[in-house]
């Protein structure tokens, strides 16, 4: 899984940091999302997915690897 955030779209609700604090934080100055891990550890992927779904502004997007990539 690969994560991206759009800080311009972020409204600083903090749901990401509350849901997946090992993956997301908030900027102390403006409250906008800070992405701590572009590719979170496997143990954090469920929380990262939940955080992306809980984001009220849709500022978090996740990309799953193509399961067919690399297969011959």
C-alpha atoms as a PDB file:
ATOM      1  CA  UNK A   1       0.000   0.000   0.000  1.00  0.00           C
ATOM      2  CA  UNK A   2       1.176   3.494  -0.839  1.00  0.00           C
ATOM      3  CA  UNK A   3      -0.358   6.619   0.701  1.00  0.00           C
ATOM      4  CA  UNK A   4      -0.588  10.186  -0.522  1.00  0.00           C
ATOM      5  CA  UNK A   5      -1.984  13.243   1.203  1.00  0.00           C
ATOM      6  CA  UNK A   6      -3.229  16.533  -0.179  1.00  0.00           C
ATOM      7  CA  UNK A   7      -2.386  19.139   2.456  1.00  0.00           C
ATOM      8  CA  UNK A   8      -4.275  21.793   0.487  1.00  0.00           C
ATOM      9  CA  UNK A   9      -7.461  19.758   0.730  1.00  0.00           C
ATOM     10  CA  UNK A  10      -6.971  18.883   4.414  1.00  0.00           C
ATOM     11  CA  UNK A  11      -9.242  20.715   6.858  1.00  0.00           C
ATOM     12  CA  UNK A  12      -7.336  19.678   9.990  1.00  0.00           C
ATOM     13  CA  UNK A  13     -10.060  17.471  11.485  1.00  0.00           C
ATOM     14  CA  UNK A  14      -7.399  15.118  12.885  1.00  0.00           C
ATOM     15  CA  UNK A  15      -9.254  11.866  12.232  1.00  0.00           C
ATOM     16  CA  UNK A  16      -6.173  10.444  10.520  1.00  0.00           C
ATOM     17  CA  UNK A  17      -3.869  11.100  13.467  1.00  0.00           C
ATOM     18  CA  UNK A  18      -6.456   9.713  15.889  1.00  0.00           C
ATOM     19  CA  UNK A  19      -7.106   6.594  13.808  1.00  0.00           C
ATOM     20  CA  UNK A  20      -3.543   5.789  12.727  1.00  0.00           C
ATOM     21  CA  UNK A  21      -1.075   7.770  14.870  1.00  0.00           C
ATOM     22  CA  UNK A  22       1.846   5.637  13.694  1.00  0.00           C
ATOM     23  CA  UNK A  23       1.169   6.694  10.096  1.00  0.00           C
ATOM     24  CA  UNK A  24      -0.228  10.247  10.359  1.00  0.00           C
ATOM     25  CA  UNK A  25       0.347  13.303  12.499  1.00  0.00           C
ATOM     26  CA  UNK A  26      -0.836  16.904  12.422  1.00  0.00           C
ATOM     27  CA  UNK A  27       1.245  19.989  11.744  1.00  0.00           C
ATOM     28  CA  UNK A  28       1.486  22.016  14.949  1.00  0.00           C
ATOM     29  CA  UNK A  29       1.185  25.297  13.026  1.00  0.00           C
ATOM     30  CA  UNK A  30      -1.828  24.742  10.778  1.00  0.00           C
ATOM     31  CA  UNK A  31      -3.248  21.386  11.929  1.00  0.00           C
ATOM     32  CA  UNK A  32      -2.965  19.862   8.470  1.00  0.00           C
ATOM     33  CA  UNK A  33      -2.055  16.236   7.945  1.00  0.00           C
ATOM     34  CA  UNK A  34       1.545  15.057   8.057  1.00  0.00           C
ATOM     35  CA  UNK A  35       2.271  11.718   6.435  1.00  0.00           C
ATOM     36  CA  UNK A  36       4.820   9.810   8.501  1.00  0.00           C
ATOM     37  CA  UNK A  37       5.015   6.709   6.269  1.00  0.00           C
ATOM     38  CA  UNK A  38       4.314   6.735   2.533  1.00  0.00           C
ATOM     39  CA  UNK A  39       4.363   2.949   2.669  1.00  0.00           C
ATOM     40  CA  UNK A  40       3.175   2.019   6.154  1.00  0.00           C
ATOM     41  CA  UNK A  41       4.325  -1.173   7.838  1.00  0.00           C
ATOM     42  CA  UNK A  42       2.036  -4.148   7.298  1.00  0.00           C
ATOM     43  CA  UNK A  43       0.827  -3.927  10.906  1.00  0.00           C
ATOM     44  CA  UNK A  44      -0.484  -0.413  10.215  1.00  0.00           C
ATOM     45  CA  UNK A  45      -2.250  -0.951   6.881  1.00  0.00           C
ATOM     46  CA  UNK A  46      -5.699  -1.580   8.376  1.00  0.00           C
ATOM     47  CA  UNK A  47      -5.493   1.577  10.485  1.00  0.00           C
ATOM     48  CA  UNK A  48      -4.237   3.546   7.460  1.00  0.00           C
ATOM     49  CA  UNK A  49      -7.213   2.346   5.384  1.00  0.00           C
ATOM     50  CA  UNK A  50      -9.602   3.303   8.173  1.00  0.00           C
ATOM     51  CA  UNK A  51      -7.992   6.747   8.450  1.00  0.00           C
ATOM     52  CA  UNK A  52      -8.336   7.333   4.716  1.00  0.00           C
ATOM     53  CA  UNK A  53     -12.011   6.383   4.910  1.00  0.00           C
ATOM     54  CA  UNK A  54     -12.594   8.595   7.950  1.00  0.00           C
ATOM     55  CA  UNK A  55     -11.029  11.710   6.406  1.00  0.00           C
ATOM     56  CA  UNK A  56     -13.927  14.171   5.989  1.00  0.00           C
ATOM     57  CA  UNK A  57     -12.167  16.135   3.244  1.00  0.00           C
ATOM     58  CA  UNK A  58     -10.862  13.157   1.256  1.00  0.00           C
ATOM     59  CA  UNK A  59      -7.293  14.444   1.601  1.00  0.00           C
ATOM     60  CA  UNK A  60      -5.856  10.925   1.948  1.00  0.00           C
ATOM     61  CA  UNK A  61      -5.630   8.557  -0.967  1.00  0.00           C
ATOM     62  CA  UNK A  62      -4.263   5.050  -0.947  1.00  0.00           C
ATOM     63  CA  UNK A  63      -2.973   3.001  -3.790  1.00  0.00           C
ATOM     64  CA  UNK A  64      -2.870  -0.766  -3.631  1.00  0.00           C
ATOM     65  CA  UNK A  65      -0.213  -2.589  -5.637  1.00  0.00           C
ATOM     66  CA  UNK A  66      -1.427  -4.311  -8.767  1.00  0.00           C
ATOM     67  CA  UNK A  67      -1.640  -8.022  -7.834  1.00  0.00           C
ATOM     68  CA  UNK A  68      -0.792  -8.952 -11.426  1.00  0.00           C
ATOM     69  CA  UNK A  69       2.352  -6.796 -11.533  1.00  0.00           C
ATOM     70  CA  UNK A  70       5.446  -8.915 -11.428  1.00  0.00           C
ATOM     71  CA  UNK A  71       3.708 -12.157 -12.338  1.00  0.00           C
ATOM     72  CA  UNK A  72       4.803 -13.864 -15.510  1.00  0.00           C
END
